[in-house]
Amino acid sequence: MLFSDLHAAHDWLAGRGLLPPERRSETLPTPHVRLHDGSTVVSFCSNNYLGLNHRTEVKAAATQALHEHTHATSESRRLGGNLGLLEQLEYELAEFKKQPSALVTATGLLANIAAIHGILDAGELARRWYGGPAPSSQPVVIYDELCHRSIQMGARESSAERVRFRHNDAEHLADVLAAYKGRAALVVTEGVFSMDGDLADLPRLVEVCDTYGAVLMVDDAHGTGVYGADGSGTANHFGLSGRIPLQVATLSKAFGGMGGAVLGDERTIAMLRTFSSGYRFTSSLPAEQAAATIAALRILRSEPGIRQILWTNVRRLRTGLVRMGINPPGDGPIIPLHMGTPHAAARFEELMLDKGYWCVAVTPPAVAPDACRVRLTVSAMHSSEQIDGLLERISDVSSRALELMGSARSYARSAM
């Protein structure tokens, strides 16, 4: 019966064209990508914002670590997989993010699970297994309704009560915290929301959390390396360095690698190392990834011009879209074009691909069925000619399929 139901759902989706294609590429975006059919297209769907994984220094660091340590640790960090490279990476990440301590995980998804589940349950686990002091209350985790799926997974993994607050609505968060007054509370938001590219209202969220004694955690996956005077992320962007007690960063966006990191005070990080399943029960980050990220981080810190190129490209693309009557939310390299339905978003992707530009449709379960979009991501590797070419192709596709862009323009007017 289980497979019968699963396969029936598959056939229903497939028959309506609702299973998105898994397009295969033969090369990573530079930003040119060679697809499996031999065609070459320009990619605007990579989170590799600064192109650091293409740098000679980064490749050399990864190659050296691969020769010295092979391609995997085959162990969790607690059971023999704690290479010195991992601790060096943690030290440099903590310094960069202006946090006391850091914990590196094998993926960014695991970083959110490790942080949320760990901070909410470590106290109770210490009591249960070691006879430690009992927690003062059952904790509650309160997260923005548009938070990434990994944040929701971390909350569900924990024993805490789960509550959502309206997207970027600090006043609603204040109401929720008032209702849970006297309970230990973890509030979670993204620094830059991955689907719409809008920034969290961190100044107001910090104020509300301080008022109610809640701990604020910011998943800064898309802010780290991009935002802030020094690229350290959205806390620095808002002048809040040192004011946000718990942060998460991924190593697969601006750093161009893989992995994640949780950053906070020393005692919190020590408890996560001991009790968090997202850290303890999985193999550690491979040595070549740690070495490559260290090299990428050092380039990012020593060459601020790379970020300036990224922001020049962001402004060029956004200005061109505004001239076309499209005004997406946010101000950064994530640029959504709202299409409204899965079919419209998928058709737009196909039409753009036919013209040599790869812009991926985002459909459920990543977004609601009526909030489907094509998500553009611009990088420092894009040339001005490629950006202008993308704008021309969007204009061409718009004229061929006005019903696709109609919803995007309607959204643009409402967002202005």
Protein backbone atom coordinates (compact mmCIF):
# COMPACT_ATOMS: atom_id res chain seq x y z
CA MET A 1 0.00 0.00 0.00
CA LEU A 2 2.84 2.40 0.81
CA PHE A 3 4.44 2.11 -2.61
CA SER A 4 1.03 2.05 -4.27
CA ASP A 5 0.14 5.43 -2.73
CA LEU A 6 3.58 6.87 -3.44
CA HIS A 7 3.56 5.77 -7.07
CA ALA A 8 0.00 6.98 -7.57
CA ALA A 9 1.08 10.43 -6.35
CA HIS A 10 4.08 10.29 -8.71
CA ASP A 11 1.91 9.43 -11.70
CA TRP A 12 -0.57 12.18 -10.81
CA LEU A 13 2.20 14.80 -10.64
CA ALA A 14 3.97 13.52 -13.75
CA GLY A 15 0.77 13.54 -15.75
CA ARG A 16 0.28 17.22 -14.97
CA GLY A 17 3.88 18.24 -15.63
CA LEU A 18 4.50 19.04 -11.96
CA LEU A 19 7.70 17.03 -11.47
CA PRO A 20 10.54 19.50 -12.09
CA PRO A 21 13.35 18.24 -14.34
CA GLU A 22 16.75 17.49 -12.85
CA ARG A 23 18.88 19.13 -15.50
CA ARG A 24 22.36 17.62 -15.68
CA SER A 25 25.41 19.80 -16.15
CA GLU A 26 28.85 18.56 -17.12
CA THR A 27 30.71 21.57 -15.70
CA LEU A 28 30.32 23.94 -12.78
CA PRO A 29 29.23 27.50 -13.63
CA THR A 30 32.08 29.84 -14.53
CA PRO A 31 29.37 31.21 -15.18
CA HIS A 32 29.22 29.25 -18.45
CA VAL A 33 27.82 25.74 -18.00
CA ARG A 34 28.00 22.83 -20.43
CA LEU A 35 24.83 20.76 -20.19
CA HIS A 36 24.55 17.03 -20.83
CA ASP A 37 23.27 17.60 -24.38
CA GLY A 38 26.47 19.46 -25.29
CA SER A 39 24.96 22.95 -25.26
CA THR A 40 26.59 25.77 -23.32
CA VAL A 41 24.48 28.26 -21.39
CA VAL A 42 25.10 31.14 -18.99
CA SER A 43 24.04 30.25 -15.45
CA PHE A 44 22.19 32.67 -13.21
CA CYS A 45 21.23 29.99 -10.69
CA SER A 46 24.41 29.48 -8.64
CA ASN A 47 24.95 30.67 -5.06
CA ASN A 48 28.69 30.88 -5.73
CA TYR A 49 28.51 34.65 -5.27
CA LEU A 50 32.22 35.46 -5.43
CA GLY A 51 33.54 32.65 -7.62
CA LEU A 52 36.18 31.80 -5.04
CA ASN A 53 36.19 28.07 -5.75
CA HIS A 54 37.70 28.83 -9.16
CA ARG A 55 40.70 30.64 -7.70
CA THR A 56 44.09 28.97 -8.13
CA GLU A 57 44.94 29.38 -4.43
CA VAL A 58 41.74 27.62 -3.37
CA LYS A 59 42.27 24.70 -5.76
CA ALA A 60 45.89 24.36 -4.64
CA ALA A 61 44.90 24.28 -0.96
CA ALA A 62 42.27 21.62 -1.64
CA THR A 63 44.69 19.54 -3.73
CA GLN A 64 47.39 19.59 -1.06
CA ALA A 65 44.92 18.59 1.67
CA LEU A 66 43.54 15.81 -0.52
CA HIS A 67 47.04 14.35 -1.00
CA GLU A 68 47.83 14.61 2.70
CA HIS A 69 44.53 13.40 4.17
CA THR A 70 42.64 11.64 1.29
CA HIS A 71 39.06 12.55 0.38
CA ALA A 72 37.18 11.71 3.60
CA THR A 73 37.71 11.29 7.33
CA SER A 74 35.30 8.32 7.54
CA GLU A 75 34.65 9.29 11.16
CA SER A 76 32.71 11.75 13.22
CA ARG A 77 34.84 14.38 14.90
CA ARG A 78 34.25 12.71 18.28
CA LEU A 79 35.54 9.37 17.00
CA GLY A 80 38.80 10.30 15.33
CA GLY A 81 37.75 12.69 12.56
CA ASN A 82 38.78 15.96 14.22
CA LEU A 83 41.58 17.12 11.94
CA GLY A 84 43.61 20.17 12.87
CA LEU A 85 42.39 21.82 9.67
CA LEU A 86 38.85 21.80 11.05
CA GLU A 87 39.86 23.59 14.23
CA GLN A 88 41.87 26.10 12.22
CA LEU A 89 38.81 26.78 10.06
CA GLU A 90 36.66 27.24 13.17
CA TYR A 91 39.14 29.71 14.62
CA GLU A 92 39.28 31.80 11.43
CA LEU A 93 35.50 31.73 10.93
CA ALA A 94 34.86 32.87 14.50
CA GLU A 95 37.32 35.74 14.08
CA PHE A 96 35.76 36.73 10.77
CA LYS A 97 32.19 36.62 12.12
CA LYS A 98 33.23 38.41 15.35
CA GLN A 99 31.96 35.56 17.52
CA PRO A 100 33.82 33.89 20.41
CA SER A 101 33.71 30.34 19.09
CA ALA A 102 32.61 28.21 16.12
CA LEU A 103 31.59 24.65 15.33
CA VAL A 104 31.94 23.35 11.76
CA THR A 105 29.51 20.76 10.39
CA ALA A 106 29.53 18.65 7.24
CA THR A 107 26.70 20.64 5.58
CA GLY A 108 24.84 23.89 6.10
CA LEU A 109 21.61 21.98 6.70
CA LEU A 110 23.28 20.10 9.55
CA ALA A 111 24.51 23.39 11.03
CA ASN A 112 20.94 24.58 11.55
CA ILE A 113 19.86 21.22 12.95
CA ALA A 114 22.90 21.10 15.24
CA ALA A 115 22.30 24.62 16.50
CA ILE A 116 18.54 24.49 17.11
CA HIS A 117 18.20 20.95 18.40
CA GLY A 118 21.38 21.28 20.43
CA ILE A 119 20.68 24.56 22.16
CA LEU A 120 17.10 23.56 22.98
CA ASP A 121 17.78 20.04 24.26
CA ALA A 122 21.36 19.95 25.57
CA GLY A 123 20.38 21.01 29.08
CA GLU A 124 17.76 18.29 29.43
CA LEU A 125 20.11 15.67 27.95
CA ALA A 126 22.81 16.67 30.45
CA ARG A 127 20.28 16.15 33.25
CA ARG A 128 19.03 12.84 31.88
CA TRP A 129 22.39 11.23 31.15
CA TYR A 130 24.73 12.86 33.64
CA GLY A 131 22.51 14.09 36.46
CA GLY A 132 23.05 17.77 35.66
CA PRO A 133 20.77 20.57 36.85
CA ALA A 134 17.21 20.50 35.53
CA PRO A 135 16.26 23.20 32.99
CA SER A 136 14.16 26.00 34.46
CA SER A 137 11.33 25.56 31.91
CA GLN A 138 10.33 23.73 28.76
CA PRO A 139 11.86 25.81 25.95
CA VAL A 140 9.97 27.25 23.01
CA VAL A 141 11.41 27.90 19.54
CA ILE A 142 9.83 30.76 17.59
CA TYR A 143 10.84 31.15 13.96
CA ASP A 144 9.93 33.31 10.97
CA GLU A 145 7.28 31.60 8.87
CA LEU A 146 9.49 31.82 5.76
CA CYS A 147 12.59 30.31 7.36
CA HIS A 148 14.55 27.66 5.46
CA ARG A 149 13.44 24.04 5.71
CA SER A 150 16.58 23.14 7.69
CA ILE A 151 15.48 25.51 10.46
CA GLN A 152 12.10 23.84 10.58
CA MET A 153 13.84 20.45 10.70
CA GLY A 154 15.98 21.55 13.62
CA ALA A 155 12.91 22.76 15.48
CA ARG A 156 11.07 19.48 14.87
CA GLU A 157 14.10 17.46 15.95
CA SER A 158 13.99 19.21 19.31
CA SER A 159 11.57 18.62 22.19
CA ALA A 160 10.68 22.34 22.34
CA GLU A 161 7.28 23.78 21.59
CA ARG A 162 7.25 25.27 18.09
CA VAL A 163 5.67 28.59 17.12
CA ARG A 164 5.93 30.68 13.95
CA PHE A 165 5.73 34.46 13.68
CA ARG A 166 4.65 36.40 10.61
CA HIS A 167 7.38 37.08 8.10
CA ASN A 168 9.70 39.86 9.26
CA ASP A 169 7.04 41.14 11.66
CA ALA A 170 8.79 42.16 14.88
CA GLU A 171 5.53 43.36 16.43
CA HIS A 172 3.96 39.95 15.98
CA LEU A 173 7.09 38.37 17.46
CA ALA A 174 6.71 40.65 20.49
CA ASP A 175 3.13 39.45 20.92
CA VAL A 176 4.24 35.82 20.74
CA LEU A 177 7.05 36.34 23.24
CA ALA A 178 4.65 38.12 25.59
CA ALA A 179 2.38 35.06 25.46
CA TYR A 180 5.32 32.82 26.41
CA LYS A 181 6.74 35.11 29.07
CA GLY A 182 8.70 33.13 31.65
CA ARG A 183 9.67 30.39 29.16
CA ALA A 184 13.17 29.89 27.78
CA ALA A 185 12.83 31.08 24.16
CA LEU A 186 14.94 30.72 21.02
CA VAL A 187 13.97 33.08 18.16
CA VAL A 188 15.24 32.13 14.70
CA THR A 189 15.35 34.15 11.50
CA GLU A 190 17.39 34.27 8.31
CA GLY A 191 19.69 37.23 7.76
CA VAL A 192 18.88 37.19 4.03
CA PHE A 193 15.84 35.13 3.10
CA SER A 194 16.83 32.61 0.47
CA MET A 195 13.72 32.72 -1.71
CA ASP A 196 12.94 36.46 -1.87
CA GLY A 197 16.33 37.95 -1.01
CA ASP A 198 14.88 40.38 1.54
CA LEU A 199 16.76 41.24 4.72
CA ALA A 200 15.51 40.47 8.21
CA ASP A 201 14.74 43.54 10.33
CA LEU A 202 17.58 42.65 12.66
CA PRO A 203 17.68 45.93 14.62
CA ARG A 204 14.06 45.56 15.64
CA LEU A 205 14.35 41.80 16.24
CA VAL A 206 17.35 42.36 18.53
CA GLU A 207 15.37 44.98 20.44
CA VAL A 208 12.38 42.70 20.90
CA CYS A 209 14.49 39.72 21.97
CA ASP A 210 16.41 41.86 24.46
CA THR A 211 13.14 43.12 25.91
CA TYR A 212 11.78 39.62 26.50
CA GLY A 213 15.05 37.86 27.36
CA ALA A 214 14.95 35.61 24.31
CA VAL A 215 18.01 34.27 22.46
CA LEU A 216 18.17 35.38 18.82
CA MET A 217 19.70 33.06 16.24
CA VAL A 218 20.39 34.30 12.70
CA ASP A 219 20.95 31.89 9.82
CA ASP A 220 23.30 34.06 7.77
CA ALA A 221 23.82 31.62 4.92
CA HIS A 222 23.29 34.21 2.18
CA GLY A 223 24.66 37.18 4.13
CA THR A 224 28.08 35.84 5.11
CA GLY A 225 30.70 36.98 2.62
CA VAL A 226 28.26 39.33 0.90
CA TYR A 227 26.84 41.88 3.37
CA GLY A 228 28.59 44.16 5.84
CA ALA A 229 31.44 46.63 5.51
CA ASP A 230 33.90 43.74 5.75
CA GLY A 231 31.71 41.01 4.27
CA SER A 232 31.14 39.31 7.62
CA GLY A 233 27.36 39.35 7.20
CA THR A 234 24.09 40.98 8.11
CA ALA A 235 24.97 41.64 11.76
CA ASN A 236 27.86 43.83 10.59
CA HIS A 237 25.64 45.34 7.90
CA PHE A 238 23.25 46.63 10.57
CA GLY A 239 25.99 47.62 13.03
CA LEU A 240 25.01 44.76 15.35
CA SER A 241 28.29 42.86 15.64
CA GLY A 242 28.40 41.31 19.10
CA ARG A 243 24.65 41.79 19.64
CA ILE A 244 23.44 38.50 18.11
CA PRO A 245 24.34 35.58 20.38
CA LEU A 246 23.98 32.72 17.88
CA GLN A 247 24.71 32.69 14.16
CA VAL A 248 24.86 30.04 11.45
CA ALA A 249 26.89 30.32 8.26
CA THR A 250 27.15 28.01 5.28
CA LEU A 251 30.39 27.40 3.43
CA SER A 252 28.66 26.62 0.13
CA LYS A 253 27.61 30.15 -0.85
CA ALA A 254 30.16 33.00 -0.84
CA PHE A 255 33.00 30.64 0.14
CA GLY A 256 32.20 28.34 -2.78
CA GLY A 257 32.65 25.06 -0.89
CA MET A 258 30.50 22.84 1.28
CA GLY A 259 29.74 22.61 4.98
CA GLY A 260 28.30 24.85 7.66
CA ALA A 261 29.22 26.54 10.92
CA VAL A 262 27.48 27.48 14.16
CA LEU A 263 28.95 30.50 15.94
CA GLY A 264 28.37 31.58 19.54
CA ASP A 265 29.92 31.72 22.99
CA GLU A 266 32.38 29.04 24.15
CA ARG A 267 30.06 27.25 26.60
CA THR A 268 27.20 27.05 24.10
CA ILE A 269 29.47 25.66 21.38
CA ALA A 270 30.94 23.14 23.82
CA MET A 271 27.44 21.88 24.68
CA LEU A 272 26.61 21.54 20.99
CA ARG A 273 29.74 19.47 20.43
CA THR A 274 28.66 17.16 23.23
CA PHE A 275 24.92 16.78 22.65
CA SER A 276 23.93 17.88 19.15
CA SER A 277 23.05 15.03 16.77
CA GLY A 278 23.69 17.27 13.73
CA TYR A 279 27.34 17.40 14.80
CA ARG A 280 28.08 14.23 16.72
CA PHE A 281 26.46 11.51 14.62
CA THR A 282 27.87 12.24 11.16
CA SER A 283 31.25 12.18 9.47
CA SER A 284 33.25 15.37 9.64
CA LEU A 285 33.89 17.82 6.82
CA PRO A 286 36.57 16.44 4.45
CA ALA A 287 40.04 17.93 4.75
CA GLU A 288 40.12 19.38 1.25
CA GLN A 289 36.90 21.30 1.92
CA ALA A 290 38.30 22.75 5.14
CA ALA A 291 41.56 23.76 3.46
CA ALA A 292 39.75 25.26 0.46
CA THR A 293 37.42 27.28 2.70
CA ILE A 294 40.34 28.62 4.73
CA ALA A 295 41.98 29.78 1.49
CA ALA A 296 38.71 31.29 0.22
CA LEU A 297 38.13 33.11 3.51
CA ARG A 298 41.60 34.63 3.41
CA ILE A 299 41.05 35.84 -0.15
CA LEU A 300 37.69 37.34 0.81
CA ARG A 301 39.28 39.25 3.69
CA SER A 302 42.31 40.48 1.74
CA GLU A 303 40.59 41.40 -1.55
CA PRO A 304 37.49 43.53 -0.87
CA GLY A 305 37.35 44.40 -4.56
CA ILE A 306 35.71 41.03 -5.28
CA ARG A 307 32.65 42.05 -3.28
CA GLN A 308 32.60 45.44 -5.02
CA ILE A 309 32.37 43.65 -8.37
CA LEU A 310 29.47 41.57 -7.06
CA TRP A 311 27.56 44.64 -5.90
CA THR A 312 28.22 46.42 -9.21
CA ASN A 313 26.69 43.45 -11.01
CA VAL A 314 23.74 43.36 -8.60
CA ARG A 315 22.97 47.01 -9.26
CA ARG A 316 23.27 46.54 -13.03
CA LEU A 317 20.80 43.64 -13.09
CA ARG A 318 18.32 45.22 -10.68
CA THR A 319 18.40 48.57 -12.51
CA GLY A 320 17.71 46.79 -15.79
CA LEU A 321 14.75 44.94 -14.32
CA VAL A 322 13.28 48.13 -12.88
CA ARG A 323 13.45 49.70 -16.35
CA MET A 324 11.38 46.74 -17.56
CA GLY A 325 8.78 47.39 -14.85
CA ILE A 326 9.93 44.57 -12.56
CA ASN A 327 10.92 45.56 -9.03
CA PRO A 328 11.76 42.46 -6.97
CA PRO A 329 12.14 42.66 -3.18
CA GLY A 330 15.48 43.00 -1.43
CA ASP A 331 18.61 44.69 -2.67
CA GLY A 332 21.10 41.85 -3.05
CA PRO A 333 22.13 39.10 -5.48
CA ILE A 334 18.99 36.96 -4.92
CA ILE A 335 16.41 38.28 -7.37
CA PRO A 336 13.04 36.49 -7.65
CA LEU A 337 10.72 36.90 -10.63
CA HIS A 338 7.32 35.84 -9.34
CA MET A 339 5.31 33.75 -11.79
CA GLY A 340 2.39 32.64 -9.63
CA THR A 341 2.03 29.00 -10.72
CA PRO A 342 4.36 26.00 -11.13
CA HIS A 343 3.55 25.74 -14.84
CA ALA A 344 4.35 29.40 -15.52
CA ALA A 345 7.66 29.22 -13.67
CA ALA A 346 8.68 25.99 -15.41
CA ARG A 347 7.74 27.37 -18.82
CA PHE A 348 9.74 30.52 -18.22
CA GLU A 349 12.79 28.41 -17.31
CA GLU A 350 12.43 26.42 -20.53
CA LEU A 351 12.10 29.52 -22.70
CA MET A 352 15.14 31.15 -21.12
CA LEU A 353 17.17 27.96 -21.51
CA ASP A 354 16.31 27.89 -25.20
CA LYS A 355 17.88 31.34 -25.42
CA GLY A 356 21.07 30.26 -23.66
CA TYR A 357 20.39 31.40 -20.09
CA TRP A 358 19.78 29.06 -17.18
CA CYS A 359 17.42 30.52 -14.55
CA VAL A 360 15.85 27.90 -12.32
CA ALA A 361 12.13 27.71 -11.52
CA VAL A 362 11.35 27.40 -7.80
CA THR A 363 8.19 25.41 -7.07
CA PRO A 364 6.66 23.49 -4.12
CA PRO A 365 7.78 22.34 -1.61
CA ALA A 366 10.34 25.19 -1.61
CA VAL A 367 7.54 27.78 -1.93
CA ALA A 368 3.75 27.81 -1.82
CA PRO A 369 1.93 26.85 -5.06
CA ASP A 370 0.78 30.45 -5.65
CA ALA A 371 4.26 31.88 -4.93
CA CYS A 372 6.27 30.08 -7.60
CA ARG A 373 9.06 32.07 -9.12
CA VAL A 374 12.20 32.01 -11.20
CA ARG A 375 15.08 32.89 -8.89
CA LEU A 376 18.01 34.74 -10.43
CA THR A 377 21.33 34.85 -8.59
CA VAL A 378 24.08 37.13 -9.82
CA SER A 379 27.77 36.69 -9.01
CA ALA A 380 31.06 38.54 -9.27
CA MET A 381 31.94 36.22 -12.18
CA HIS A 382 29.24 37.59 -14.46
CA SER A 383 30.31 40.11 -17.06
CA SER A 384 28.30 43.22 -17.88
CA GLU A 385 27.64 41.70 -21.32
CA GLN A 386 26.15 38.57 -19.74
CA ILE A 387 23.91 40.61 -17.47
CA ASP A 388 22.73 42.76 -20.37
CA GLY A 389 22.15 39.61 -22.40
CA LEU A 390 20.04 38.16 -19.62
CA LEU A 391 17.92 41.30 -19.52
CA GLU A 392 17.43 41.16 -23.29
CA ARG A 393 16.35 37.51 -23.09
CA ILE A 394 13.92 38.24 -20.27
CA SER A 395 12.42 40.97 -22.45
CA ASP A 396 12.20 38.56 -25.39
CA VAL A 397 10.53 35.84 -23.34
CA SER A 398 8.18 38.40 -21.85
CA SER A 399 6.98 39.41 -25.30
CA ARG A 400 6.48 35.77 -26.29
CA ALA A 401 4.69 34.75 -23.10
CA LEU A 402 3.05 37.80 -21.58
CA GLU A 403 0.98 35.70 -19.23
CA LEU A 404 4.17 34.51 -17.54
CA MET A 405 5.52 37.96 -16.82
CA GLY A 406 2.14 39.44 -16.02
CA SER A 407 2.19 38.03 -12.52
CA ALA A 408 5.74 39.27 -12.00
CA ARG A 409 4.83 42.80 -13.04
CA SER A 410 1.74 42.71 -10.86
CA TYR A 411 3.94 41.63 -7.96
CA ALA A 412 6.42 44.38 -8.82
CA ARG A 413 3.75 47.07 -8.65
CA SER A 414 2.52 45.83 -5.29
CA ALA A 415 6.08 45.74 -3.91
CA MET A 416 7.00 49.29 -4.99
